[in-house]
Amino acid sequence: VQLQASGGGLVQAGGSLRLSCGGSGGAFRTNSIGWFRQGPGKEREFVGTITSGGTTFYGDSVKGRFTISRDNVKSTVYLQMNNLKPEDTAVYYCAVRIRFENVQHEGSYGSWGQGTQVTVSS
C-alpha cells in the first residue's frame, strides 16, 4: 500500500481542518492506518490510528479534538481536526500499521506517505 497525505494549510487558532490520506495498491481496506505529526524541532508524535474495522485510538494531546474516520470504497482515511491550537502546527503523516506491539510507536508503522504541512496561527 502506498499512502499520500493531503489537505494541510494555514488556519487560525480555534479553527478546523480535515486531512486526507489516500491509499493506492495493496489491500487498503484490511490495513490499520496511523497518523503522526512532527512539529519544528520536535520528535515525531503519535496522533491516532484507525483499524480496518473502524476502531480508533488517539494520543492524549489530541483526544476530544481530532477524529479519524475511513472510507474503504475511496481508499481514504480522514483526520478531522477541530479547535486547533498553535501547538498543533506540524507536518502530518499517515502510515500503515505493520506491527502490533506498540500502537503509539512510529516503529510499528511503515509505508509512510509524504506529509502535509498544517500551520495554526494564534
Protein backbone atom coordinates (compact mmCIF):
# COMPACT_ATOMS: atom_id res chain seq x y z
CA VAL A 1 0.00 0.00 0.00
CA GLN A 2 1.25 3.46 -0.87
CA LEU A 3 -0.10 6.46 1.01
CA GLN A 4 -0.31 10.18 0.37
CA ALA A 5 -1.42 12.77 2.91
CA SER A 6 -3.09 15.98 1.74
CA GLY A 7 -5.32 18.80 2.93
CA GLY A 8 -2.90 20.79 5.03
CA GLY A 9 -2.84 24.56 5.16
CA LEU A 10 -2.90 27.67 7.30
CA VAL A 11 -5.72 28.09 9.83
CA GLN A 12 -6.37 30.35 12.79
CA ALA A 13 -6.45 29.01 16.32
CA GLY A 14 -9.85 27.58 17.12
CA GLY A 15 -10.46 26.65 13.50
CA SER A 16 -10.83 23.30 11.81
CA LEU A 17 -9.11 21.39 9.05
CA ARG A 18 -9.60 17.95 7.51
CA LEU A 19 -6.66 15.95 6.23
CA SER A 20 -6.92 13.03 3.85
CA CYS A 21 -4.71 10.00 3.48
CA GLY A 22 -5.21 8.33 0.12
CA GLY A 23 -4.09 4.77 -0.45
CA SER A 24 -3.15 3.00 -3.64
CA GLY A 25 -2.17 -0.58 -4.29
CA GLY A 26 -2.33 -3.47 -1.86
CA ALA A 27 -5.28 -4.27 0.36
CA PHE A 28 -6.01 -0.84 1.82
CA ARG A 29 -9.26 -1.85 3.47
CA THR A 30 -7.59 -4.56 5.54
CA ASN A 31 -4.90 -2.28 6.99
CA SER A 32 -4.86 -0.19 10.14
CA ILE A 33 -3.72 3.35 9.35
CA GLY A 34 -2.00 5.72 11.72
CA TRP A 35 -1.47 9.47 11.80
CA PHE A 36 1.67 11.08 13.20
CA ARG A 37 2.95 14.62 13.25
CA GLN A 38 6.30 16.32 13.60
CA GLY A 39 6.49 19.89 14.77
CA PRO A 40 9.50 22.16 14.25
CA GLY A 41 12.36 20.94 16.39
CA LYS A 42 10.29 18.10 17.82
CA GLU A 43 10.23 14.34 17.53
CA ARG A 44 7.54 12.59 15.56
CA GLU A 45 4.43 12.28 17.70
CA PHE A 46 1.57 9.79 17.57
CA VAL A 47 -1.78 11.39 16.72
CA GLY A 48 -4.10 8.44 16.32
CA THR A 49 -4.91 5.26 14.48
CA ILE A 50 -7.88 3.50 12.94
CA THR A 51 -8.27 -0.22 12.43
CA SER A 52 -9.71 -1.86 9.34
CA GLY A 53 -12.99 -2.18 11.24
CA GLY A 54 -13.10 1.49 12.21
CA THR A 55 -11.93 1.30 15.81
CA THR A 56 -9.95 4.41 16.73
CA PHE A 57 -7.34 5.27 19.33
CA TYR A 58 -5.89 8.75 19.96
CA GLY A 59 -2.90 10.35 21.55
CA ASP A 60 -3.57 12.34 24.71
CA SER A 61 -2.72 15.71 23.13
CA VAL A 62 -5.50 15.46 20.53
CA LYS A 63 -8.13 13.39 22.29
CA GLY A 64 -11.52 15.09 22.13
CA ARG A 65 -10.46 17.45 19.34
CA PHE A 66 -9.37 15.16 16.49
CA THR A 67 -11.40 12.40 14.85
CA ILE A 68 -10.17 9.71 12.47
CA SER A 69 -12.51 8.01 10.01
CA ARG A 70 -12.15 5.96 6.87
CA ASP A 71 -13.91 5.31 3.59
CA ASN A 72 -12.70 1.98 2.23
CA VAL A 73 -14.56 2.46 -1.05
CA LYS A 74 -12.45 5.53 -1.70
CA SER A 75 -9.35 4.00 -0.05
CA THR A 76 -9.08 7.11 2.09
CA VAL A 77 -8.58 7.81 5.78
CA TYR A 78 -9.52 11.21 7.18
CA LEU A 79 -8.23 13.23 10.11
CA GLN A 80 -10.77 15.84 11.20
CA MET A 81 -9.07 18.42 13.38
CA ASN A 82 -11.20 20.81 15.43
CA ASN A 83 -10.35 23.53 17.93
CA LEU A 84 -6.85 23.76 16.52
CA LYS A 85 -4.09 25.26 18.63
CA PRO A 86 -0.74 26.77 17.64
CA GLU A 87 0.98 23.73 19.17
CA ASP A 88 -0.77 21.58 16.54
CA THR A 89 1.49 23.16 13.93
CA ALA A 90 3.41 20.31 12.32
CA VAL A 91 3.89 18.19 9.25
CA TYR A 92 1.28 15.45 9.40
CA TYR A 93 1.98 11.96 8.09
CA CYS A 94 -0.05 8.81 7.60
CA ALA A 95 1.33 5.30 7.60
CA VAL A 96 0.30 1.66 7.55
CA ARG A 97 0.47 -0.22 10.83
CA ILE A 98 2.78 -3.20 10.34
CA ARG A 99 3.42 -4.29 13.93
CA PHE A 100 1.07 -4.56 16.86
CA GLU A 101 3.39 -4.27 19.85
CA ASN A 102 3.03 -0.55 20.47
CA VAL A 103 0.33 1.39 18.68
CA GLN A 104 1.90 4.76 19.52
CA HIS A 105 5.42 4.00 18.34
CA GLU A 106 6.45 5.02 14.84
CA GLY A 107 8.43 1.81 14.52
CA SER A 108 5.12 -0.06 14.35
CA TYR A 109 4.27 1.66 11.06
CA GLY A 110 5.57 1.52 7.51
CA SER A 111 4.82 2.74 4.01
CA TRP A 112 4.94 6.32 5.22
CA GLY A 113 3.27 8.79 2.93
CA GLN A 114 4.59 12.21 2.08
CA GLY A 115 3.50 14.61 4.81
CA THR A 116 1.29 17.66 4.63
CA GLN A 117 2.00 20.91 6.48
CA VAL A 118 -0.51 22.27 8.98
CA THR A 119 0.13 25.73 10.41
CA VAL A 120 -2.06 27.18 13.14
CA SER A 121 -1.73 30.89 13.78
CA SER A 122 -2.51 32.46 17.14
